[in-house]
Amino acid sequence: MGKRQFKPGNMLYPVPAVMISVADKEGNSNIFTVAWAGTVCTNPPMLTISVRPERHSYQMIKETGEFVVNLTTEELAFATDYCGVKSGRDTDKWKDTGLTKAPASKVSVPLIQESPVNLECKVVRIDELGSHHMFLAEVVAVDVDDAYFDEKDTFHLSKAKPMAYSHGRYYGLGEQLGTFGYSVRKTTGGQKNNNKKTGNSKHSRKDKK
């Protein structure tokens, strides 16, 4: 089997498609969709989003130094796409999509109530890379929907049916293949676990480390 060579470009797929909520100092808010977002640091918790400077929301972020990353789900696919192709200069995307503004706890920007997880962020640095400028931000608060906790207070993001973006298409996530470290985990008998499909991915409100 051979390989074909493409010109240099961004083929790092799939990626999360997230809705970013922003506001200016007068309180005018907007939503736009970003596929170029990622985690960059655990302590302090930090992430980046890359935005074209000509986008309507770009100046809002520069003005306030704040934004909220709202995770998306299969149910939010239409709104996610809409907020990525329509400009807030021309329309009120909150009204058009029916999404609900909710107050954030640490930033002045509203979060999206329908999102299962909202990451409140404050900008630390802006790197003007070229076509996109990268906002490096610290996560100052995380808001999580109570609907996805079980009776043991464990959070299950999978129940929200998160989605991903790949080369112009949106996808739901498929079958779980494993959990972190399962490839080297030993069974109760001391043997290496060779089962490629084990357990459910869980996150607790409590820090297990």
N, C-alpha and C. Protein backbone atom coordinates (compact mmCIF):
# COMPACT_ATOMS: atom_id res chain seq x y z
N MET A 1 0.84 -1.20 0.00
CA MET A 1 0.00 0.00 0.00
C MET A 1 0.88 1.25 0.00
N GLY A 2 0.65 2.13 -0.96
CA GLY A 2 1.47 3.32 -1.07
C GLY A 2 0.91 4.51 -0.31
N LYS A 3 1.66 5.57 -0.34
CA LYS A 3 1.27 6.83 0.29
C LYS A 3 1.24 7.93 -0.77
N ARG A 4 0.25 8.79 -0.68
CA ARG A 4 0.20 9.98 -1.51
C ARG A 4 0.63 11.19 -0.69
N GLN A 5 1.30 12.10 -1.32
CA GLN A 5 1.77 13.28 -0.60
C GLN A 5 0.93 14.49 -0.99
N PHE A 6 0.37 15.16 0.04
CA PHE A 6 -0.38 16.40 -0.14
C PHE A 6 0.56 17.57 0.13
N LYS A 7 0.15 18.75 -0.33
CA LYS A 7 0.90 19.95 0.05
C LYS A 7 0.73 20.17 1.55
N PRO A 8 1.67 20.87 2.21
CA PRO A 8 1.55 21.09 3.65
C PRO A 8 0.22 21.75 4.00
N GLY A 9 -0.45 21.21 4.99
CA GLY A 9 -1.75 21.74 5.40
C GLY A 9 -2.19 21.12 6.71
N ASN A 10 -3.35 21.55 7.17
CA ASN A 10 -3.86 21.07 8.45
C ASN A 10 -4.74 19.84 8.25
N MET A 11 -4.17 18.68 8.49
CA MET A 11 -4.89 17.42 8.38
C MET A 11 -4.97 16.72 9.73
N LEU A 12 -4.87 17.50 10.79
CA LEU A 12 -4.93 16.93 12.13
C LEU A 12 -6.39 16.77 12.53
N TYR A 13 -6.99 15.69 12.08
CA TYR A 13 -8.40 15.41 12.33
C TYR A 13 -8.55 14.03 12.96
N PRO A 14 -9.66 13.77 13.68
CA PRO A 14 -10.76 14.69 14.02
C PRO A 14 -10.37 15.64 15.14
N VAL A 15 -11.18 16.70 15.27
CA VAL A 15 -10.97 17.69 16.32
C VAL A 15 -12.33 18.03 16.94
N PRO A 16 -12.34 18.60 18.12
CA PRO A 16 -13.62 19.04 18.68
C PRO A 16 -14.14 20.26 17.92
N ALA A 17 -15.43 20.32 17.69
CA ALA A 17 -16.06 21.53 17.17
C ALA A 17 -16.78 22.17 18.35
N VAL A 18 -16.29 23.30 18.81
CA VAL A 18 -16.84 23.91 20.02
C VAL A 18 -17.47 25.26 19.68
N MET A 19 -18.48 25.63 20.43
CA MET A 19 -19.07 26.95 20.28
C MET A 19 -18.45 27.88 21.31
N ILE A 20 -17.97 29.02 20.86
CA ILE A 20 -17.33 30.00 21.73
C ILE A 20 -18.31 31.15 21.94
N SER A 21 -18.61 31.44 23.19
CA SER A 21 -19.45 32.60 23.49
C SER A 21 -18.55 33.74 23.96
N VAL A 22 -18.88 34.94 23.46
CA VAL A 22 -18.07 36.13 23.73
C VAL A 22 -19.00 37.31 23.98
N ALA A 23 -18.42 38.41 24.44
CA ALA A 23 -19.19 39.64 24.64
C ALA A 23 -18.23 40.83 24.64
N ASP A 24 -18.76 42.00 24.28
CA ASP A 24 -17.95 43.20 24.38
C ASP A 24 -18.21 43.88 25.72
N LYS A 25 -17.57 45.01 25.95
CA LYS A 25 -17.68 45.67 27.25
C LYS A 25 -19.07 46.25 27.49
N GLU A 26 -19.83 46.43 26.42
CA GLU A 26 -21.21 46.93 26.56
C GLU A 26 -22.20 45.80 26.83
N GLY A 27 -21.72 44.56 26.78
CA GLY A 27 -22.59 43.42 27.05
C GLY A 27 -23.21 42.80 25.81
N ASN A 28 -22.86 43.30 24.63
CA ASN A 28 -23.34 42.68 23.39
C ASN A 28 -22.60 41.36 23.19
N SER A 29 -23.34 40.27 23.07
CA SER A 29 -22.71 38.96 23.03
C SER A 29 -22.92 38.27 21.69
N ASN A 30 -22.13 37.26 21.45
CA ASN A 30 -22.19 36.51 20.20
C ASN A 30 -21.69 35.09 20.44
N ILE A 31 -22.02 34.21 19.50
CA ILE A 31 -21.52 32.83 19.50
C ILE A 31 -20.85 32.58 18.17
N PHE A 32 -19.69 31.95 18.18
CA PHE A 32 -19.11 31.48 16.93
C PHE A 32 -18.45 30.13 17.16
N THR A 33 -18.29 29.39 16.09
CA THR A 33 -17.79 28.01 16.19
C THR A 33 -16.32 27.95 15.81
N VAL A 34 -15.58 27.18 16.57
CA VAL A 34 -14.15 26.99 16.34
C VAL A 34 -13.84 25.50 16.32
N ALA A 35 -13.08 25.08 15.34
CA ALA A 35 -12.62 23.68 15.31
C ALA A 35 -11.16 23.58 15.75
N TRP A 36 -10.46 24.70 15.73
CA TRP A 36 -9.06 24.69 16.14
C TRP A 36 -8.95 25.15 17.58
N ALA A 37 -9.15 24.19 18.46
CA ALA A 37 -9.08 24.43 19.91
C ALA A 37 -8.40 23.23 20.55
N GLY A 38 -7.68 23.47 21.61
CA GLY A 38 -7.01 22.34 22.23
C GLY A 38 -6.49 22.62 23.62
N THR A 39 -6.30 21.56 24.38
CA THR A 39 -5.72 21.63 25.72
C THR A 39 -4.21 21.75 25.60
N VAL A 40 -3.60 22.61 26.39
CA VAL A 40 -2.15 22.78 26.30
C VAL A 40 -1.43 22.65 27.64
N CYS A 41 -2.17 22.72 28.76
CA CYS A 41 -1.50 22.64 30.06
C CYS A 41 -2.49 22.18 31.13
N THR A 42 -1.99 21.37 32.06
CA THR A 42 -2.83 20.88 33.16
C THR A 42 -2.81 21.83 34.35
N ASN A 43 -1.62 22.30 34.73
CA ASN A 43 -1.49 23.14 35.92
C ASN A 43 -0.56 24.31 35.63
N PRO A 44 -1.10 25.51 35.45
CA PRO A 44 -2.53 25.85 35.53
C PRO A 44 -3.28 25.32 34.31
N PRO A 45 -4.59 25.07 34.45
CA PRO A 45 -5.34 24.56 33.31
C PRO A 45 -5.43 25.61 32.21
N MET A 46 -4.95 25.27 31.02
CA MET A 46 -4.91 26.23 29.92
C MET A 46 -5.32 25.56 28.62
N LEU A 47 -5.87 26.38 27.71
CA LEU A 47 -6.24 25.90 26.39
C LEU A 47 -6.01 27.01 25.37
N THR A 48 -6.13 26.67 24.11
CA THR A 48 -5.99 27.66 23.06
C THR A 48 -7.17 27.56 22.09
N ILE A 49 -7.51 28.69 21.48
CA ILE A 49 -8.37 28.70 20.32
C ILE A 49 -7.69 29.59 19.27
N SER A 50 -7.84 29.23 18.01
CA SER A 50 -7.26 30.02 16.92
C SER A 50 -8.39 30.65 16.12
N VAL A 51 -8.28 31.96 15.90
CA VAL A 51 -9.37 32.74 15.30
C VAL A 51 -8.81 33.66 14.22
N ARG A 52 -9.52 33.75 13.11
CA ARG A 52 -9.16 34.71 12.07
C ARG A 52 -9.47 36.13 12.57
N PRO A 53 -8.58 37.09 12.40
CA PRO A 53 -8.81 38.43 12.93
C PRO A 53 -10.00 39.14 12.31
N GLU A 54 -10.42 38.72 11.10
CA GLU A 54 -11.56 39.37 10.47
C GLU A 54 -12.90 38.91 11.00
N ARG A 55 -12.91 37.88 11.85
CA ARG A 55 -14.17 37.41 12.40
C ARG A 55 -14.74 38.44 13.39
N HIS A 56 -16.06 38.52 13.41
CA HIS A 56 -16.76 39.50 14.23
C HIS A 56 -16.40 39.38 15.71
N SER A 57 -16.22 38.15 16.18
CA SER A 57 -15.98 37.92 17.61
C SER A 57 -14.55 38.20 18.04
N TYR A 58 -13.65 38.31 17.07
CA TYR A 58 -12.24 38.49 17.39
C TYR A 58 -12.02 39.73 18.26
N GLN A 59 -12.59 40.85 17.84
CA GLN A 59 -12.40 42.09 18.59
C GLN A 59 -13.04 42.03 19.97
N MET A 60 -14.12 41.28 20.10
CA MET A 60 -14.76 41.13 21.41
C MET A 60 -13.82 40.45 22.40
N ILE A 61 -13.15 39.41 21.93
CA ILE A 61 -12.20 38.70 22.80
C ILE A 61 -11.04 39.62 23.17
N LYS A 62 -10.52 40.35 22.19
CA LYS A 62 -9.41 41.26 22.47
C LYS A 62 -9.82 42.36 23.45
N GLU A 63 -11.07 42.79 23.35
CA GLU A 63 -11.55 43.89 24.19
C GLU A 63 -11.72 43.48 25.65
N THR A 64 -12.29 42.29 25.86
CA THR A 64 -12.57 41.87 27.24
C THR A 64 -11.53 40.89 27.79
N GLY A 65 -10.82 40.20 26.90
CA GLY A 65 -9.86 39.19 27.35
C GLY A 65 -10.54 37.96 27.93
N GLU A 66 -11.80 37.73 27.56
CA GLU A 66 -12.55 36.61 28.12
C GLU A 66 -13.36 35.90 27.03
N PHE A 67 -13.59 34.60 27.23
CA PHE A 67 -14.50 33.84 26.38
C PHE A 67 -14.87 32.56 27.10
N VAL A 68 -15.90 31.89 26.60
CA VAL A 68 -16.31 30.60 27.16
C VAL A 68 -16.31 29.56 26.05
N VAL A 69 -15.67 28.44 26.31
CA VAL A 69 -15.70 27.30 25.38
C VAL A 69 -16.86 26.40 25.81
N ASN A 70 -17.82 26.23 24.91
CA ASN A 70 -19.00 25.41 25.18
C ASN A 70 -18.92 24.11 24.37
N LEU A 71 -18.80 22.99 25.06
CA LEU A 71 -18.70 21.71 24.34
C LEU A 71 -20.01 21.43 23.61
N THR A 72 -19.90 20.72 22.50
CA THR A 72 -21.06 20.45 21.65
C THR A 72 -21.43 18.98 21.65
N THR A 73 -22.66 18.72 21.25
CA THR A 73 -23.21 17.36 21.23
C THR A 73 -23.91 17.12 19.90
N GLU A 74 -24.33 15.87 19.69
CA GLU A 74 -25.08 15.55 18.47
C GLU A 74 -26.34 16.41 18.37
N GLU A 75 -26.99 16.64 19.49
CA GLU A 75 -28.21 17.44 19.50
C GLU A 75 -27.93 18.91 19.13
N LEU A 76 -26.71 19.35 19.37
CA LEU A 76 -26.33 20.74 19.08
C LEU A 76 -25.63 20.89 17.73
N ALA A 77 -25.65 19.85 16.90
CA ALA A 77 -24.91 19.88 15.64
C ALA A 77 -25.38 21.00 14.72
N PHE A 78 -26.70 21.17 14.58
CA PHE A 78 -27.22 22.20 13.69
C PHE A 78 -26.79 23.58 14.17
N ALA A 79 -26.95 23.84 15.46
CA ALA A 79 -26.57 25.14 16.02
C ALA A 79 -25.07 25.37 15.88
N THR A 80 -24.28 24.32 16.06
CA THR A 80 -22.83 24.43 15.94
C THR A 80 -22.45 24.85 14.53
N ASP A 81 -23.04 24.22 13.54
CA ASP A 81 -22.73 24.58 12.16
C ASP A 81 -23.21 26.00 11.85
N TYR A 82 -24.42 26.32 12.28
CA TYR A 82 -25.01 27.64 12.01
C TYR A 82 -24.13 28.76 12.58
N CYS A 83 -23.66 28.56 13.79
CA CYS A 83 -22.84 29.59 14.43
C CYS A 83 -21.46 29.70 13.80
N GLY A 84 -21.10 28.72 12.96
CA GLY A 84 -19.82 28.78 12.26
C GLY A 84 -19.91 29.42 10.89
N VAL A 85 -21.10 29.46 10.31
CA VAL A 85 -21.24 30.00 8.95
C VAL A 85 -21.96 31.34 8.89
N LYS A 86 -22.67 31.69 9.95
CA LYS A 86 -23.34 32.98 10.02
C LYS A 86 -22.51 33.96 10.85
N SER A 87 -22.56 35.22 10.47
CA SER A 87 -21.81 36.24 11.21
C SER A 87 -22.70 36.99 12.17
N GLY A 88 -22.18 37.25 13.35
CA GLY A 88 -22.90 38.04 14.33
C GLY A 88 -23.06 39.49 13.92
N ARG A 89 -22.35 39.92 12.88
CA ARG A 89 -22.57 41.28 12.34
C ARG A 89 -23.96 41.40 11.72
N ASP A 90 -24.47 40.27 11.22
CA ASP A 90 -25.70 40.29 10.43
C ASP A 90 -26.92 39.74 11.14
N THR A 91 -26.72 38.98 12.19
CA THR A 91 -27.86 38.32 12.82
C THR A 91 -27.59 38.01 14.28
N ASP A 92 -28.66 37.80 15.03
CA ASP A 92 -28.56 37.42 16.44
C ASP A 92 -28.60 35.90 16.51
N LYS A 93 -27.45 35.29 16.71
CA LYS A 93 -27.39 33.82 16.67
C LYS A 93 -28.01 33.17 17.90
N TRP A 94 -28.08 33.88 19.01
CA TRP A 94 -28.80 33.36 20.18
C TRP A 94 -30.27 33.16 19.81
N LYS A 95 -30.85 34.17 19.19
CA LYS A 95 -32.26 34.11 18.82
C LYS A 95 -32.49 33.10 17.71
N ASP A 96 -31.62 33.08 16.72
CA ASP A 96 -31.80 32.19 15.57
C ASP A 96 -31.74 30.72 15.95
N THR A 97 -30.85 30.38 16.88
CA THR A 97 -30.66 28.97 17.25
C THR A 97 -31.52 28.54 18.43
N GLY A 98 -32.04 29.52 19.19
CA GLY A 98 -32.80 29.18 20.38
C GLY A 98 -31.94 28.80 21.56
N LEU A 99 -30.64 29.03 21.45
CA LEU A 99 -29.74 28.72 22.57
C LEU A 99 -29.96 29.73 23.70
N THR A 100 -29.71 29.26 24.92
CA THR A 100 -30.02 30.04 26.11
C THR A 100 -28.77 30.63 26.74
N LYS A 101 -28.78 31.94 26.98
CA LYS A 101 -27.69 32.58 27.71
C LYS A 101 -27.81 32.25 29.19
N ALA A 102 -26.69 31.90 29.81
CA ALA A 102 -26.66 31.68 31.26
C ALA A 102 -25.46 32.42 31.82
N PRO A 103 -25.56 32.95 33.03
CA PRO A 103 -24.43 33.70 33.60
C PRO A 103 -23.27 32.79 33.95
N ALA A 104 -22.08 33.25 33.66
CA ALA A 104 -20.87 32.53 34.07
C ALA A 104 -20.52 32.94 35.49
N SER A 105 -19.64 32.18 36.12
CA SER A 105 -19.30 32.46 37.52
C SER A 105 -18.04 33.31 37.67
N LYS A 106 -17.12 33.26 36.70
CA LYS A 106 -15.84 33.95 36.84
C LYS A 106 -15.55 34.96 35.73
N VAL A 107 -16.33 34.92 34.65
CA VAL A 107 -16.12 35.86 33.55
C VAL A 107 -17.44 36.57 33.26
N SER A 108 -17.34 37.68 32.53
CA SER A 108 -18.53 38.49 32.23
C SER A 108 -19.26 38.00 30.98
N VAL A 109 -18.72 37.00 30.34
CA VAL A 109 -19.29 36.46 29.10
C VAL A 109 -20.35 35.41 29.44
N PRO A 110 -21.48 35.38 28.73
CA PRO A 110 -22.48 34.34 29.02
C PRO A 110 -22.04 32.98 28.51
N LEU A 111 -22.51 31.94 29.16
CA LEU A 111 -22.26 30.58 28.67
C LEU A 111 -23.54 30.05 28.03
N ILE A 112 -23.42 28.95 27.31
CA ILE A 112 -24.57 28.34 26.65
C ILE A 112 -25.15 27.27 27.57
N GLN A 113 -26.38 27.48 28.00
CA GLN A 113 -27.02 26.58 28.96
C GLN A 113 -27.13 25.15 28.43
N GLU A 114 -27.37 24.99 27.15
CA GLU A 114 -27.61 23.66 26.57
C GLU A 114 -26.33 22.84 26.42
N SER A 115 -25.19 23.46 26.57
CA SER A 115 -23.92 22.73 26.47
C SER A 115 -23.67 21.92 27.74
N PRO A 116 -23.17 20.68 27.62
CA PRO A 116 -22.94 19.86 28.81
C PRO A 116 -21.78 20.35 29.67
N VAL A 117 -20.81 21.01 29.04
CA VAL A 117 -19.64 21.51 29.77
C VAL A 117 -19.27 22.88 29.21
N ASN A 118 -19.04 23.83 30.12
CA ASN A 118 -18.64 25.18 29.73
C ASN A 118 -17.33 25.52 30.42
N LEU A 119 -16.35 25.94 29.65
CA LEU A 119 -15.04 26.28 30.18
C LEU A 119 -14.87 27.80 30.13
N GLU A 120 -14.88 28.43 31.29
CA GLU A 120 -14.72 29.88 31.38
C GLU A 120 -13.23 30.22 31.30
N CYS A 121 -12.88 31.12 30.38
CA CYS A 121 -11.47 31.36 30.09
C CYS A 121 -11.10 32.83 30.13
N LYS A 122 -9.88 33.10 30.58
CA LYS A 122 -9.30 34.44 30.54
C LYS A 122 -8.01 34.39 29.73
N VAL A 123 -7.90 35.30 28.78
CA VAL A 123 -6.77 35.30 27.86
C VAL A 123 -5.47 35.68 28.58
N VAL A 124 -4.45 34.89 28.31
CA VAL A 124 -3.12 35.15 28.87
C VAL A 124 -2.20 35.79 27.82
N ARG A 125 -2.35 35.33 26.57
CA ARG A 125 -1.45 35.81 25.51
C ARG A 125 -2.13 35.63 24.16
N ILE A 126 -1.78 36.50 23.22
CA ILE A 126 -2.26 36.36 21.85
C ILE A 126 -1.05 36.25 20.94
N ASP A 127 -0.97 35.19 20.17
CA ASP A 127 0.11 34.99 19.20
C ASP A 127 -0.44 35.18 17.79
N GLU A 128 0.08 36.16 17.08
CA GLU A 128 -0.35 36.44 15.71
C GLU A 128 0.44 35.55 14.77
N LEU A 129 -0.12 34.39 14.43
CA LEU A 129 0.61 33.35 13.72
C LEU A 129 0.61 33.54 12.21
N GLY A 130 -0.45 34.12 11.68
CA GLY A 130 -0.59 34.24 10.22
C GLY A 130 -2.07 34.43 9.92
N SER A 131 -2.66 33.49 9.20
CA SER A 131 -4.10 33.59 8.90
C SER A 131 -4.94 33.59 10.16
N HIS A 132 -4.45 32.91 11.21
CA HIS A 132 -5.15 32.83 12.49
C HIS A 132 -4.28 33.40 13.61
N HIS A 133 -4.95 34.01 14.57
CA HIS A 133 -4.29 34.42 15.79
C HIS A 133 -4.71 33.47 16.91
N MET A 134 -3.73 33.02 17.68
CA MET A 134 -4.00 32.03 18.72
C MET A 134 -4.14 32.72 20.08
N PHE A 135 -5.27 32.46 20.72
CA PHE A 135 -5.52 32.96 22.06
C PHE A 135 -5.16 31.87 23.07
N LEU A 136 -4.13 32.12 23.85
CA LEU A 136 -3.77 31.23 24.95
C LEU A 136 -4.51 31.73 26.18
N ALA A 137 -5.27 30.84 26.81
CA ALA A 137 -6.12 31.28 27.91
C ALA A 137 -6.07 30.30 29.07
N GLU A 138 -6.26 30.85 30.27
CA GLU A 138 -6.37 30.02 31.47
C GLU A 138 -7.84 29.70 31.74
N VAL A 139 -8.12 28.46 32.05
CA VAL A 139 -9.47 28.06 32.41
C VAL A 139 -9.68 28.42 33.87
N VAL A 140 -10.60 29.35 34.14
CA VAL A 140 -10.80 29.85 35.50
C VAL A 140 -12.03 29.23 36.18
N ALA A 141 -12.86 28.56 35.41
CA ALA A 141 -14.02 27.87 35.99
C ALA A 141 -14.55 26.88 34.97
N VAL A 142 -15.13 25.79 35.47
CA VAL A 142 -15.76 24.78 34.62
C VAL A 142 -17.17 24.54 35.14
N ASP A 143 -18.14 24.67 34.26
CA ASP A 143 -19.55 24.47 34.61
C ASP A 143 -20.03 23.18 33.93
N VAL A 144 -20.58 22.28 34.72
CA VAL A 144 -20.95 20.96 34.21
C VAL A 144 -22.43 20.68 34.51
N ASP A 145 -23.13 20.15 33.52
CA ASP A 145 -24.56 19.86 33.65
C ASP A 145 -24.78 18.69 34.61
N ASP A 146 -25.64 18.91 35.62
CA ASP A 146 -25.94 17.87 36.61
C ASP A 146 -26.56 16.62 35.99
N ALA A 147 -27.15 16.75 34.80
CA ALA A 147 -27.85 15.63 34.18
C ALA A 147 -26.94 14.45 33.86
N TYR A 148 -25.63 14.70 33.79
CA TYR A 148 -24.71 13.64 33.37
C TYR A 148 -23.90 13.06 34.51
N PHE A 149 -24.35 13.28 35.76
CA PHE A 149 -23.75 12.63 36.91
C PHE A 149 -24.60 11.43 37.32
N ASP A 150 -23.94 10.37 37.76
CA ASP A 150 -24.68 9.21 38.23
C ASP A 150 -24.85 9.27 39.75
N GLU A 151 -25.40 8.19 40.32
CA GLU A 151 -25.69 8.18 41.75
C GLU A 151 -24.42 8.19 42.61
N LYS A 152 -23.27 7.87 41.99
CA LYS A 152 -22.00 7.90 42.72
C LYS A 152 -21.25 9.23 42.50
N ASP A 153 -21.93 10.19 41.90
CA ASP A 153 -21.37 11.51 41.65
C ASP A 153 -20.23 11.48 40.63
N THR A 154 -20.30 10.52 39.71
CA THR A 154 -19.32 10.41 38.64
C THR A 154 -19.90 10.99 37.36
N PHE A 155 -19.13 11.81 36.70
CA PHE A 155 -19.57 12.48 35.48
C PHE A 155 -19.35 11.60 34.26
N HIS A 156 -20.36 11.48 33.41
CA HIS A 156 -20.29 10.67 32.19
C HIS A 156 -20.57 11.56 30.98
N LEU A 157 -19.53 12.13 30.39
CA LEU A 157 -19.71 12.99 29.23
C LEU A 157 -20.29 12.21 28.05
N SER A 158 -20.00 10.92 27.98
CA SER A 158 -20.48 10.10 26.87
C SER A 158 -22.01 10.11 26.77
N LYS A 159 -22.68 10.29 27.90
CA LYS A 159 -24.14 10.31 27.89
C LYS A 159 -24.69 11.54 27.17
N ALA A 160 -23.89 12.56 27.06
CA ALA A 160 -24.31 13.77 26.35
C ALA A 160 -24.17 13.62 24.83
N LYS A 161 -23.51 12.55 24.39
CA LYS A 161 -23.25 12.27 22.98
C LYS A 161 -22.46 13.41 22.31
N PRO A 162 -21.22 13.61 22.76
CA PRO A 162 -20.39 14.65 22.15
C PRO A 162 -20.08 14.34 20.70
N MET A 163 -19.71 15.37 19.96
CA MET A 163 -19.42 15.16 18.55
C MET A 163 -18.05 15.71 18.19
N ALA A 164 -17.58 15.35 17.01
CA ALA A 164 -16.28 15.78 16.52
C ALA A 164 -16.43 16.29 15.09
N TYR A 165 -15.40 16.98 14.63
CA TYR A 165 -15.39 17.56 13.28
C TYR A 165 -14.19 16.99 12.54
N SER A 166 -14.40 16.56 11.30
CA SER A 166 -13.30 16.01 10.52
C SER A 166 -13.45 16.39 9.05
N HIS A 167 -12.56 17.26 8.60
CA HIS A 167 -12.46 17.61 7.18
C HIS A 167 -13.80 18.03 6.58
N GLY A 168 -14.48 18.93 7.28
CA GLY A 168 -15.72 19.48 6.76
C GLY A 168 -16.97 18.73 7.14
N ARG A 169 -16.84 17.70 7.98
CA ARG A 169 -18.01 16.90 8.35
C ARG A 169 -18.07 16.74 9.88
N TYR A 170 -19.30 16.65 10.37
CA TYR A 170 -19.53 16.44 11.80
C TYR A 170 -19.86 14.97 12.05
N TYR A 171 -19.32 14.42 13.14
CA TYR A 171 -19.54 13.01 13.46
C TYR A 171 -19.87 12.84 14.94
N GLY A 172 -20.75 11.90 15.22
CA GLY A 172 -20.93 11.45 16.59
C GLY A 172 -19.79 10.51 16.93
N LEU A 173 -19.51 10.34 18.21
CA LEU A 173 -18.45 9.42 18.62
C LEU A 173 -18.97 8.00 18.62
N GLY A 174 -18.14 7.06 18.20
CA GLY A 174 -18.57 5.66 18.09
C GLY A 174 -18.31 4.87 19.36
N GLU A 175 -18.09 3.59 19.17
CA GLU A 175 -17.92 2.66 20.28
C GLU A 175 -16.61 2.92 21.02
N GLN A 176 -16.66 2.83 22.33
CA GLN A 176 -15.45 2.97 23.14
C GLN A 176 -14.51 1.82 22.86
N LEU A 177 -13.22 2.11 22.72
CA LEU A 177 -12.22 1.09 22.42
C LEU A 177 -11.38 0.70 23.63
N GLY A 178 -11.36 1.55 24.63
CA GLY A 178 -10.56 1.25 25.81
C GLY A 178 -10.58 2.43 26.77
N THR A 179 -9.82 2.32 27.85
CA THR A 179 -9.65 3.41 28.79
C THR A 179 -8.17 3.71 28.93
N PHE A 180 -7.83 4.88 29.44
CA PHE A 180 -6.43 5.28 29.54
C PHE A 180 -5.63 4.25 30.32
N GLY A 181 -4.53 3.77 29.73
CA GLY A 181 -3.65 2.80 30.38
C GLY A 181 -4.06 1.35 30.24
N TYR A 182 -5.17 1.08 29.50
CA TYR A 182 -5.65 -0.30 29.43
C TYR A 182 -4.67 -1.24 28.72
N SER A 183 -3.80 -0.67 27.87
CA SER A 183 -2.87 -1.52 27.11
C SER A 183 -1.80 -2.15 27.99
N VAL A 184 -1.53 -1.56 29.16
CA VAL A 184 -0.49 -2.09 30.05
C VAL A 184 -1.05 -2.53 31.39
N ARG A 185 -2.36 -2.47 31.54
CA ARG A 185 -2.98 -2.81 32.82
C ARG A 185 -2.91 -4.31 33.06
N LYS A 186 -2.63 -4.69 34.30
CA LYS A 186 -2.57 -6.10 34.66
C LYS A 186 -3.94 -6.55 35.18
N THR A 187 -4.27 -7.79 34.91
CA THR A 187 -5.52 -8.35 35.43
C THR A 187 -5.31 -8.77 36.88
N THR A 188 -6.34 -9.23 37.54
CA THR A 188 -6.23 -9.64 38.95
C THR A 188 -5.27 -10.81 39.11
N GLY A 189 -5.07 -11.58 38.04
CA GLY A 189 -4.14 -12.70 38.12
C GLY A 189 -2.72 -12.32 37.82
N GLY A 190 -2.47 -11.05 37.58
CA GLY A 190 -1.11 -10.59 37.32
C GLY A 190 -0.72 -10.61 35.87
N GLN A 191 -1.63 -11.05 34.97
CA GLN A 191 -1.32 -11.10 33.56
C GLN A 191 -1.66 -9.77 32.90
N LYS A 192 -0.94 -9.46 31.82
CA LYS A 192 -1.22 -8.26 31.07
C LYS A 192 -2.61 -8.34 30.45
N ASN A 193 -3.35 -7.26 30.52
CA ASN A 193 -4.70 -7.22 29.97
C ASN A 193 -4.63 -6.98 28.47
N ASN A 194 -5.02 -7.98 27.68
CA ASN A 194 -4.99 -7.86 26.23
C ASN A 194 -6.36 -7.57 25.63
N ASN A 195 -7.33 -7.35 26.49
CA ASN A 195 -8.67 -7.02 26.01
C ASN A 195 -8.68 -5.59 25.47
N LYS A 196 -9.06 -5.42 24.22
CA LYS A 196 -9.02 -4.11 23.58
C LYS A 196 -10.26 -3.27 23.85
N LYS A 197 -11.25 -3.86 24.51
CA LYS A 197 -12.48 -3.13 24.78
C LYS A 197 -12.84 -3.33 26.25
N THR A 198 -12.46 -2.39 27.07
CA THR A 198 -12.69 -2.58 28.50
C THR A 198 -13.29 -1.35 29.13
N GLY A 199 -14.26 -1.55 30.02
CA GLY A 199 -14.75 -0.52 30.93
C GLY A 199 -15.37 0.69 30.29
N ASN A 200 -15.86 1.58 31.15
CA ASN A 200 -16.42 2.85 30.74
C ASN A 200 -15.50 3.96 31.20
N SER A 201 -15.35 4.97 30.34
CA SER A 201 -14.53 6.13 30.70
C SER A 201 -15.29 6.98 31.70
N LYS A 202 -14.69 7.25 32.86
CA LYS A 202 -15.37 7.98 33.91
C LYS A 202 -14.51 9.13 34.41
N HIS A 203 -15.14 10.17 34.84
CA HIS A 203 -14.46 11.30 35.46
C HIS A 203 -15.23 11.68 36.69
N SER A 204 -14.56 11.79 37.79
CA SER A 204 -15.21 12.14 39.04
C SER A 204 -15.03 13.61 39.32
N ARG A 205 -15.94 14.17 40.12
CA ARG A 205 -15.78 15.56 40.55
C ARG A 205 -14.54 15.70 41.43
N LYS A 206 -14.16 14.61 42.10
CA LYS A 206 -13.01 14.67 42.98
C LYS A 206 -11.74 14.37 42.18
N ASP A 207 -10.65 15.04 42.53
CA ASP A 207 -9.37 14.83 41.88
C ASP A 207 -8.81 13.49 42.40
N LYS A 208 -8.62 12.53 41.49
CA LYS A 208 -8.14 11.21 41.90
C LYS A 208 -6.63 11.14 42.00
N LYS A 209 -5.95 12.19 41.55
CA LYS A 209 -4.47 12.12 41.58
C LYS A 209 -3.93 12.56 42.92
